[in-house]
Amino acid sequence: LRAEPGELIAIIGPNGAGKSTLLGVLNGSIKATRGSVLLNG
């Protein structure tokens, strides 16, 4: 996903969908097994 300035993205899904885990990766508190997170490139 890509969050641009001025944009609000909602993540929805049932319990166990991985929503909070994904958010943890985005703030650096959870380490991804694969992939990367970029802040301003």
All heavy atoms as atom14 arrays in JSON, in Angstrom:
{
  "sequence": "LRAEPGELIAIIGPNGAGKSTLLGVLNGSIKATRGSVLLNG",
  "atom14_mask": [
    [1, 1, 1, 1, 1, 1, 1, 1, 0, 0, 0, 0, 0, 0],
    [1, 1, 1, 1, 1, 1, 1, 1, 1, 1, 1, 0, 0, 0],
    [1, 1, 1, 1, 1, 0, 0, 0, 0, 0, 0, 0, 0, 0],
    [1, 1, 1, 1, 1, 1, 1, 1, 1, 0, 0, 0, 0, 0],
    [1, 1, 1, 1, 1, 1, 1, 0, 0, 0, 0, 0, 0, 0],
    [1, 1, 1, 1, 0, 0, 0, 0, 0, 0, 0, 0, 0, 0],
    [1, 1, 1, 1, 1, 1, 1, 1, 1, 0, 0, 0, 0, 0],
    [1, 1, 1, 1, 1, 1, 1, 1, 0, 0, 0, 0, 0, 0],
    [1, 1, 1, 1, 1, 1, 1, 1, 0, 0, 0, 0, 0, 0],
    [1, 1, 1, 1, 1, 0, 0, 0, 0, 0, 0, 0, 0, 0],
    [1, 1, 1, 1, 1, 1, 1, 1, 0, 0, 0, 0, 0, 0],
    [1, 1, 1, 1, 1, 1, 1, 1, 0, 0, 0, 0, 0, 0],
    [1, 1, 1, 1, 0, 0, 0, 0, 0, 0, 0, 0, 0, 0],
    [1, 1, 1, 1, 1, 1, 1, 0, 0, 0, 0, 0, 0, 0],
    [1, 1, 1, 1, 1, 1, 1, 1, 0, 0, 0, 0, 0, 0],
    [1, 1, 1, 1, 0, 0, 0, 0, 0, 0, 0, 0, 0, 0],
    [1, 1, 1, 1, 1, 0, 0, 0, 0, 0, 0, 0, 0, 0],
    [1, 1, 1, 1, 0, 0, 0, 0, 0, 0, 0, 0, 0, 0],
    [1, 1, 1, 1, 1, 1, 1, 1, 1, 0, 0, 0, 0, 0],
    [1, 1, 1, 1, 1, 1, 0, 0, 0, 0, 0, 0, 0, 0],
    [1, 1, 1, 1, 1, 1, 1, 0, 0, 0, 0, 0, 0, 0],
    [1, 1, 1, 1, 1, 1, 1, 1, 0, 0, 0, 0, 0, 0],
    [1, 1, 1, 1, 1, 1, 1, 1, 0, 0, 0, 0, 0, 0],
    [1, 1, 1, 1, 0, 0, 0, 0, 0, 0, 0, 0, 0, 0],
    [1, 1, 1, 1, 1, 1, 1, 0, 0, 0, 0, 0, 0, 0],
    [1, 1, 1, 1, 1, 1, 1, 1, 0, 0, 0, 0, 0, 0],
    [1, 1, 1, 1, 1, 1, 1, 1, 0, 0, 0, 0, 0, 0],
    [1, 1, 1, 1, 0, 0, 0, 0, 0, 0, 0, 0, 0, 0],
    [1, 1, 1, 1, 1, 1, 0, 0, 0, 0, 0, 0, 0, 0],
    [1, 1, 1, 1, 1, 1, 1, 1, 0, 0, 0, 0, 0, 0],
    [1, 1, 1, 1, 1, 1, 1, 1, 1, 0, 0, 0, 0, 0],
    [1, 1, 1, 1, 1, 0, 0, 0, 0, 0, 0, 0, 0, 0],
    [1, 1, 1, 1, 1, 1, 1, 0, 0, 0, 0, 0, 0, 0],
    [1, 1, 1, 1, 1, 1, 1, 1, 1, 1, 1, 0, 0, 0],
    [1, 1, 1, 1, 0, 0, 0, 0, 0, 0, 0, 0, 0, 0],
    [1, 1, 1, 1, 1, 1, 0, 0, 0, 0, 0, 0, 0, 0],
    [1, 1, 1, 1, 1, 1, 1, 0, 0, 0, 0, 0, 0, 0],
    [1, 1, 1, 1, 1, 1, 1, 1, 0, 0, 0, 0, 0, 0],
    [1, 1, 1, 1, 1, 1, 1, 1, 0, 0, 0, 0, 0, 0],
    [1, 1, 1, 1, 1, 1, 1, 1, 0, 0, 0, 0, 0, 0],
    [1, 1, 1, 1, 0, 0, 0, 0, 0, 0, 0, 0, 0, 0]
  ],
  "atom14_positions": [
    [[0.85, -1.2, 0.0], [0.0, 0.0, 0.0], [0.88, 1.24, 0.0], [2.06, 1.18, 0.31], [-0.98, 0.01, 1.18], [-0.46, 0.04, 2.61], [-0.03, 1.45, 3.05], [-1.54, -0.43, 3.57], [0.0, 0.0, 0.0], [0.0, 0.0, 0.0], [0.0, 0.0, 0.0], [0.0, 0.0, 0.0], [0.0, 0.0, 0.0], [0.0, 0.0, 0.0]],
    [[0.27, 2.36, -0.35], [1.0, 3.63, -0.46], [0.11, 4.74, 0.07], [-0.97, 4.97, -0.49], [1.38, 3.86, -1.91], [2.17, 5.13, -2.21], [2.32, 5.25, -3.72], [3.02, 6.44, -4.12], [4.27, 6.45, -4.58], [4.95, 5.31, -4.71], [4.85, 7.59, -4.94], [0.0, 0.0, 0.0], [0.0, 0.0, 0.0], [0.0, 0.0, 0.0]],
    [[0.52, 5.39, 1.15], [-0.26, 6.47, 1.75], [0.37, 7.8, 1.37], [1.46, 8.14, 1.81], [-0.29, 6.33, 3.27], [0.0, 0.0, 0.0], [0.0, 0.0, 0.0], [0.0, 0.0, 0.0], [0.0, 0.0, 0.0], [0.0, 0.0, 0.0], [0.0, 0.0, 0.0], [0.0, 0.0, 0.0], [0.0, 0.0, 0.0], [0.0, 0.0, 0.0]],
    [[-0.33, 8.54, 0.53], [0.16, 9.83, 0.06], [-0.25, 10.94, 1.02], [-1.23, 10.81, 1.76], [-0.43, 10.12, -1.33], [-0.07, 9.11, -2.4], [1.32, 9.35, -2.99], [2.0, 10.29, -2.53], [1.7, 8.6, -3.9], [0.0, 0.0, 0.0], [0.0, 0.0, 0.0], [0.0, 0.0, 0.0], [0.0, 0.0, 0.0], [0.0, 0.0, 0.0]],
    [[0.47, 12.07, 1.02], [0.05, 13.21, 1.83], [-1.38, 13.63, 1.49], [-1.77, 13.68, 0.31], [1.05, 14.3, 1.44], [2.27, 13.56, 1.0], [1.75, 12.32, 0.33], [0.0, 0.0, 0.0], [0.0, 0.0, 0.0], [0.0, 0.0, 0.0], [0.0, 0.0, 0.0], [0.0, 0.0, 0.0], [0.0, 0.0, 0.0], [0.0, 0.0, 0.0]],
    [[-2.18, 13.9, 2.52], [-3.56, 14.3, 2.32], [-4.54, 13.15, 2.19], [-5.74, 13.38, 2.01], [0.0, 0.0, 0.0], [0.0, 0.0, 0.0], [0.0, 0.0, 0.0], [0.0, 0.0, 0.0], [0.0, 0.0, 0.0], [0.0, 0.0, 0.0], [0.0, 0.0, 0.0], [0.0, 0.0, 0.0], [0.0, 0.0, 0.0], [0.0, 0.0, 0.0]],
    [[-4.05, 11.93, 2.34], [-4.89, 10.75, 2.09], [-5.13, 9.96, 3.36], [-4.24, 9.78, 4.19], [-4.19, 9.85, 1.06], [-5.0, 8.68, 0.59], [-4.31, 7.93, -0.54], [-3.13, 7.52, -0.36], [-4.92, 7.78, -1.6], [0.0, 0.0, 0.0], [0.0, 0.0, 0.0], [0.0, 0.0, 0.0], [0.0, 0.0, 0.0], [0.0, 0.0, 0.0]],
    [[-6.36, 9.49, 3.51], [-6.72, 8.6, 4.62], [-7.1, 7.24, 4.05], [-7.99, 7.14, 3.21], [-7.89, 9.18, 5.42], [-8.22, 8.5, 6.76], [-8.92, 9.5, 7.69], [-9.09, 7.27, 6.59], [0.0, 0.0, 0.0], [0.0, 0.0, 0.0], [0.0, 0.0, 0.0], [0.0, 0.0, 0.0], [0.0, 0.0, 0.0], [0.0, 0.0, 0.0]],
    [[-6.39, 6.21, 4.5], [-6.64, 4.83, 4.06], [-7.23, 4.06, 5.23], [-6.67, 4.07, 6.33], [-5.35, 4.14, 3.58], [-4.77, 4.87, 2.37], [-5.61, 2.67, 3.25], [-3.42, 4.33, 1.93], [0.0, 0.0, 0.0], [0.0, 0.0, 0.0], [0.0, 0.0, 0.0], [0.0, 0.0, 0.0], [0.0, 0.0, 0.0], [0.0, 0.0, 0.0]],
    [[-8.35, 3.41, 5.01], [-8.95, 2.55, 6.03], [-8.63, 1.1, 5.71], [-8.72, 0.67, 4.55], [-10.46, 2.75, 6.07], [0.0, 0.0, 0.0], [0.0, 0.0, 0.0], [0.0, 0.0, 0.0], [0.0, 0.0, 0.0], [0.0, 0.0, 0.0], [0.0, 0.0, 0.0], [0.0, 0.0, 0.0], [0.0, 0.0, 0.0], [0.0, 0.0, 0.0]],
    [[-8.23, 0.33, 6.73], [-8.0, -1.11, 6.58], [-9.1, -1.82, 7.34], [-9.26, -1.62, 8.55], [-6.63, -1.52, 7.13], [-5.51, -0.7, 6.47], [-6.39, -3.02, 6.9], [-4.12, -1.02, 7.01], [0.0, 0.0, 0.0], [0.0, 0.0, 0.0], [0.0, 0.0, 0.0], [0.0, 0.0, 0.0], [0.0, 0.0, 0.0], [0.0, 0.0, 0.0]],
    [[-9.87, -2.63, 6.64], [-10.96, -3.35, 7.29], [-10.89, -4.83, 6.95], [-10.27, -5.24, 5.96], [-12.35, -2.78, 6.89], [-12.59, -2.94, 5.39], [-12.48, -1.32, 7.29], [-13.98, -2.49, 4.97], [0.0, 0.0, 0.0], [0.0, 0.0, 0.0], [0.0, 0.0, 0.0], [0.0, 0.0, 0.0], [0.0, 0.0, 0.0], [0.0, 0.0, 0.0]],
    [[-11.52, -5.62, 7.8], [-11.53, -7.07, 7.61], [-11.91, -7.72, 8.92], [-11.93, -7.08, 9.97], [0.0, 0.0, 0.0], [0.0, 0.0, 0.0], [0.0, 0.0, 0.0], [0.0, 0.0, 0.0], [0.0, 0.0, 0.0], [0.0, 0.0, 0.0], [0.0, 0.0, 0.0], [0.0, 0.0, 0.0], [0.0, 0.0, 0.0], [0.0, 0.0, 0.0]],
    [[-12.2, -9.01, 8.9], [-12.6, -9.72, 10.13], [-11.43, -9.89, 11.08], [-10.27, -9.61, 10.74], [-13.09, -11.08, 9.6], [-12.37, -11.26, 8.31], [-12.21, -9.89, 7.71], [0.0, 0.0, 0.0], [0.0, 0.0, 0.0], [0.0, 0.0, 0.0], [0.0, 0.0, 0.0], [0.0, 0.0, 0.0], [0.0, 0.0, 0.0], [0.0, 0.0, 0.0]],
    [[-11.72, -10.35, 12.29], [-10.65, -10.65, 13.25], [-9.7, -11.68, 12.65], [-10.13, -12.63, 11.98], [-11.24, -11.21, 14.55], [-12.03, -10.17, 15.31], [-11.79, -8.98, 15.19], [-13.0, -10.62, 16.11], [0.0, 0.0, 0.0], [0.0, 0.0, 0.0], [0.0, 0.0, 0.0], [0.0, 0.0, 0.0], [0.0, 0.0, 0.0], [0.0, 0.0, 0.0]],
    [[-8.4, -11.47, 12.88], [-7.41, -12.4, 12.35], [-7.03, -12.14, 10.91], [-6.3, -12.94, 10.31], [0.0, 0.0, 0.0], [0.0, 0.0, 0.0], [0.0, 0.0, 0.0], [0.0, 0.0, 0.0], [0.0, 0.0, 0.0], [0.0, 0.0, 0.0], [0.0, 0.0, 0.0], [0.0, 0.0, 0.0], [0.0, 0.0, 0.0], [0.0, 0.0, 0.0]],
    [[-7.48, -11.01, 10.36], [-7.18, -10.72, 8.95], [-5.75, -10.23, 8.75], [-5.25, -10.2, 7.63], [-8.16, -9.67, 8.42], [0.0, 0.0, 0.0], [0.0, 0.0, 0.0], [0.0, 0.0, 0.0], [0.0, 0.0, 0.0], [0.0, 0.0, 0.0], [0.0, 0.0, 0.0], [0.0, 0.0, 0.0], [0.0, 0.0, 0.0], [0.0, 0.0, 0.0]],
    [[-5.07, -9.82, 9.83], [-3.7, -9.32, 9.71], [-3.61, -7.81, 9.74], [-2.53, -7.25, 9.51], [0.0, 0.0, 0.0], [0.0, 0.0, 0.0], [0.0, 0.0, 0.0], [0.0, 0.0, 0.0], [0.0, 0.0, 0.0], [0.0, 0.0, 0.0], [0.0, 0.0, 0.0], [0.0, 0.0, 0.0], [0.0, 0.0, 0.0], [0.0, 0.0, 0.0]],
    [[-4.7, -7.12, 10.07], [-4.73, -5.66, 10.02], [-3.75, -5.03, 11.01], [-2.94, -4.18, 10.64], [-6.16, -5.17, 10.32], [-7.24, -5.78, 9.45], [-8.61, -5.2, 9.75], [-9.1, -5.47, 11.17], [-9.31, -6.9, 11.46], [0.0, 0.0, 0.0], [0.0, 0.0, 0.0], [0.0, 0.0, 0.0], [0.0, 0.0, 0.0], [0.0, 0.0, 0.0]],
    [[-3.83, -5.44, 12.27], [-2.96, -4.85, 13.29], [-1.5, -5.25, 13.08], [-0.59, -4.46, 13.37], [-3.42, -5.28, 14.69], [-4.71, -4.75, 14.99], [0.0, 0.0, 0.0], [0.0, 0.0, 0.0], [0.0, 0.0, 0.0], [0.0, 0.0, 0.0], [0.0, 0.0, 0.0], [0.0, 0.0, 0.0], [0.0, 0.0, 0.0], [0.0, 0.0, 0.0]],
    [[-1.27, -6.46, 12.59], [0.1, -6.88, 12.3], [0.7, -6.0, 11.21], [1.84, -5.56, 11.31], [0.13, -8.35, 11.85], [-0.4, -9.17, 12.9], [1.54, -8.8, 11.53], [0.0, 0.0, 0.0], [0.0, 0.0, 0.0], [0.0, 0.0, 0.0], [0.0, 0.0, 0.0], [0.0, 0.0, 0.0], [0.0, 0.0, 0.0], [0.0, 0.0, 0.0]],
    [[-0.08, -5.73, 10.17], [0.4, -4.85, 9.09], [0.71, -3.46, 9.63], [1.75, -2.87, 9.3], [-0.65, -4.76, 7.99], [-0.33, -3.81, 6.83], [0.95, -4.23, 6.12], [-1.5, -3.76, 5.84], [0.0, 0.0, 0.0], [0.0, 0.0, 0.0], [0.0, 0.0, 0.0], [0.0, 0.0, 0.0], [0.0, 0.0, 0.0], [0.0, 0.0, 0.0]],
    [[-0.14, -2.95, 10.51], [0.1, -1.63, 11.1], [1.39, -1.64, 11.92], [2.16, -0.67, 11.91], [-1.08, -1.23, 11.97], [-1.43, 0.26, 12.02], [-1.88, 0.74, 10.64], [-2.5, 0.54, 13.05], [0.0, 0.0, 0.0], [0.0, 0.0, 0.0], [0.0, 0.0, 0.0], [0.0, 0.0, 0.0], [0.0, 0.0, 0.0], [0.0, 0.0, 0.0]],
    [[1.65, -2.75, 12.63], [2.89, -2.86, 13.4], [4.13, -2.83, 12.52], [5.16, -2.25, 12.89], [0.0, 0.0, 0.0], [0.0, 0.0, 0.0], [0.0, 0.0, 0.0], [0.0, 0.0, 0.0], [0.0, 0.0, 0.0], [0.0, 0.0, 0.0], [0.0, 0.0, 0.0], [0.0, 0.0, 0.0], [0.0, 0.0, 0.0], [0.0, 0.0, 0.0]],
    [[4.05, -3.44, 11.35], [5.16, -3.38, 10.4], [5.37, -1.96, 9.92], [6.5, -1.47, 9.79], [4.9, -4.33, 9.21], [6.0, -4.16, 8.15], [4.85, -5.78, 9.68], [0.0, 0.0, 0.0], [0.0, 0.0, 0.0], [0.0, 0.0, 0.0], [0.0, 0.0, 0.0], [0.0, 0.0, 0.0], [0.0, 0.0, 0.0], [0.0, 0.0, 0.0]],
    [[4.28, -1.26, 9.67], [4.36, 0.1, 9.15], [4.99, 1.07, 10.16], [5.58, 2.07, 9.76], [2.97, 0.61, 8.75], [2.32, -0.09, 7.56], [0.9, 0.41, 7.35], [3.15, 0.13, 6.29], [0.0, 0.0, 0.0], [0.0, 0.0, 0.0], [0.0, 0.0, 0.0], [0.0, 0.0, 0.0], [0.0, 0.0, 0.0], [0.0, 0.0, 0.0]],
    [[4.86, 0.79, 11.46], [5.48, 1.69, 12.44], [6.81, 1.16, 12.96], [7.45, 1.8, 13.81], [4.52, 2.01, 13.6], [4.24, 0.82, 14.5], [5.14, 0.05, 14.85], [2.99, 0.67, 14.9], [0.0, 0.0, 0.0], [0.0, 0.0, 0.0], [0.0, 0.0, 0.0], [0.0, 0.0, 0.0], [0.0, 0.0, 0.0], [0.0, 0.0, 0.0]],
    [[7.25, 0.01, 12.46], [8.56, -0.52, 12.82], [8.6, -1.36, 14.07], [9.66, -1.83, 14.47], [0.0, 0.0, 0.0], [0.0, 0.0, 0.0], [0.0, 0.0, 0.0], [0.0, 0.0, 0.0], [0.0, 0.0, 0.0], [0.0, 0.0, 0.0], [0.0, 0.0, 0.0], [0.0, 0.0, 0.0], [0.0, 0.0, 0.0], [0.0, 0.0, 0.0]],
    [[7.44, -1.59, 14.7], [7.43, -2.39, 15.93], [7.39, -3.88, 15.64], [7.67, -4.7, 16.52], [6.23, -2.0, 16.8], [5.0, -2.28, 16.14], [0.0, 0.0, 0.0], [0.0, 0.0, 0.0], [0.0, 0.0, 0.0], [0.0, 0.0, 0.0], [0.0, 0.0, 0.0], [0.0, 0.0, 0.0], [0.0, 0.0, 0.0], [0.0, 0.0, 0.0]],
    [[7.03, -4.28, 14.43], [7.04, -5.68, 14.0], [7.93, -5.79, 12.77], [7.82, -4.98, 11.83], [5.61, -6.17, 13.68], [4.74, -6.18, 14.94], [5.65, -7.57, 13.05], [3.29, -6.56, 14.69], [0.0, 0.0, 0.0], [0.0, 0.0, 0.0], [0.0, 0.0, 0.0], [0.0, 0.0, 0.0], [0.0, 0.0, 0.0], [0.0, 0.0, 0.0]],
    [[8.8, -6.78, 12.78], [9.71, -6.97, 11.65], [9.07, -7.87, 10.61], [8.56, -8.94, 10.92], [11.02, -7.59, 12.14], [12.08, -7.7, 11.04], [13.38, -8.23, 11.6], [14.44, -8.33, 10.5], [15.72, -8.85, 11.04], [0.0, 0.0, 0.0], [0.0, 0.0, 0.0], [0.0, 0.0, 0.0], [0.0, 0.0, 0.0], [0.0, 0.0, 0.0]],
    [[9.07, -7.41, 9.39], [8.52, -8.2, 8.3], [9.45, -9.35, 7.94], [10.68, -9.21, 7.98], [8.29, -7.33, 7.07], [0.0, 0.0, 0.0], [0.0, 0.0, 0.0], [0.0, 0.0, 0.0], [0.0, 0.0, 0.0], [0.0, 0.0, 0.0], [0.0, 0.0, 0.0], [0.0, 0.0, 0.0], [0.0, 0.0, 0.0], [0.0, 0.0, 0.0]],
    [[8.86, -10.48, 7.59], [9.66, -11.61, 7.11], [10.22, -11.3, 5.73], [11.38, -11.6, 5.42], [8.78, -12.88, 7.04], [8.17, -13.09, 8.31], [9.63, -14.1, 6.68], [0.0, 0.0, 0.0], [0.0, 0.0, 0.0], [0.0, 0.0, 0.0], [0.0, 0.0, 0.0], [0.0, 0.0, 0.0], [0.0, 0.0, 0.0], [0.0, 0.0, 0.0]],
    [[9.39, -10.69, 4.91], [9.81, -10.23, 3.58], [9.15, -8.9, 3.29], [8.11, -8.57, 3.85], [9.4, -11.24, 2.49], [10.16, -12.56, 2.53], [9.91, -13.37, 1.26], [8.49, -13.6, 1.03], [7.81, -14.6, 1.6], [8.4, -15.42, 2.44], [6.52, -14.76, 1.33], [0.0, 0.0, 0.0], [0.0, 0.0, 0.0], [0.0, 0.0, 0.0]],
    [[9.74, -8.15, 2.36], [9.18, -6.87, 1.97], [9.86, -5.72, 2.69], [10.76, -5.92, 3.51], [0.0, 0.0, 0.0], [0.0, 0.0, 0.0], [0.0, 0.0, 0.0], [0.0, 0.0, 0.0], [0.0, 0.0, 0.0], [0.0, 0.0, 0.0], [0.0, 0.0, 0.0], [0.0, 0.0, 0.0], [0.0, 0.0, 0.0], [0.0, 0.0, 0.0]],
    [[9.44, -4.5, 2.36], [10.07, -3.32, 2.94], [9.05, -2.21, 3.14], [7.99, -2.18, 2.51], [11.2, -2.81, 2.03], [10.67, -2.46, 0.75], [0.0, 0.0, 0.0], [0.0, 0.0, 0.0], [0.0, 0.0, 0.0], [0.0, 0.0, 0.0], [0.0, 0.0, 0.0], [0.0, 0.0, 0.0], [0.0, 0.0, 0.0], [0.0, 0.0, 0.0]],
    [[9.38, -1.32, 4.08], [8.58, -0.13, 4.35], [9.46, 1.08, 4.08], [10.59, 1.18, 4.59], [8.07, -0.1, 5.8], [7.31, 1.2, 6.08], [7.19, -1.3, 6.09], [0.0, 0.0, 0.0], [0.0, 0.0, 0.0], [0.0, 0.0, 0.0], [0.0, 0.0, 0.0], [0.0, 0.0, 0.0], [0.0, 0.0, 0.0], [0.0, 0.0, 0.0]],
    [[8.95, 2.01, 3.29], [9.69, 3.21, 2.93], [8.98, 4.44, 3.49], [7.76, 4.57, 3.35], [9.81, 3.34, 1.41], [10.43, 2.17, 0.65], [10.39, 2.43, -0.85], [11.85, 1.92, 1.11], [0.0, 0.0, 0.0], [0.0, 0.0, 0.0], [0.0, 0.0, 0.0], [0.0, 0.0, 0.0], [0.0, 0.0, 0.0], [0.0, 0.0, 0.0]],
    [[9.74, 5.32, 4.11], [9.23, 6.6, 4.59], [9.9, 7.69, 3.77], [11.11, 7.86, 3.83], [9.54, 6.78, 6.08], [9.1, 8.09, 6.73], [7.58, 8.26, 6.64], [9.56, 8.15, 8.18], [0.0, 0.0, 0.0], [0.0, 0.0, 0.0], [0.0, 0.0, 0.0], [0.0, 0.0, 0.0], [0.0, 0.0, 0.0], [0.0, 0.0, 0.0]],
    [[9.1, 8.36, 2.95], [9.63, 9.37, 2.03], [10.75, 8.82, 1.17], [11.77, 9.48, 0.92], [10.1, 10.61, 2.8], [8.96, 11.29, 3.54], [7.82, 11.34, 3.06], [9.24, 11.81, 4.72], [0.0, 0.0, 0.0], [0.0, 0.0, 0.0], [0.0, 0.0, 0.0], [0.0, 0.0, 0.0], [0.0, 0.0, 0.0], [0.0, 0.0, 0.0]],
    [[10.58, 7.56, 0.74], [11.52, 6.93, -0.16], [12.72, 6.28, 0.49], [13.54, 5.66, -0.19], [0.0, 0.0, 0.0], [0.0, 0.0, 0.0], [0.0, 0.0, 0.0], [0.0, 0.0, 0.0], [0.0, 0.0, 0.0], [0.0, 0.0, 0.0], [0.0, 0.0, 0.0], [0.0, 0.0, 0.0], [0.0, 0.0, 0.0], [0.0, 0.0, 0.0]]
  ]
}
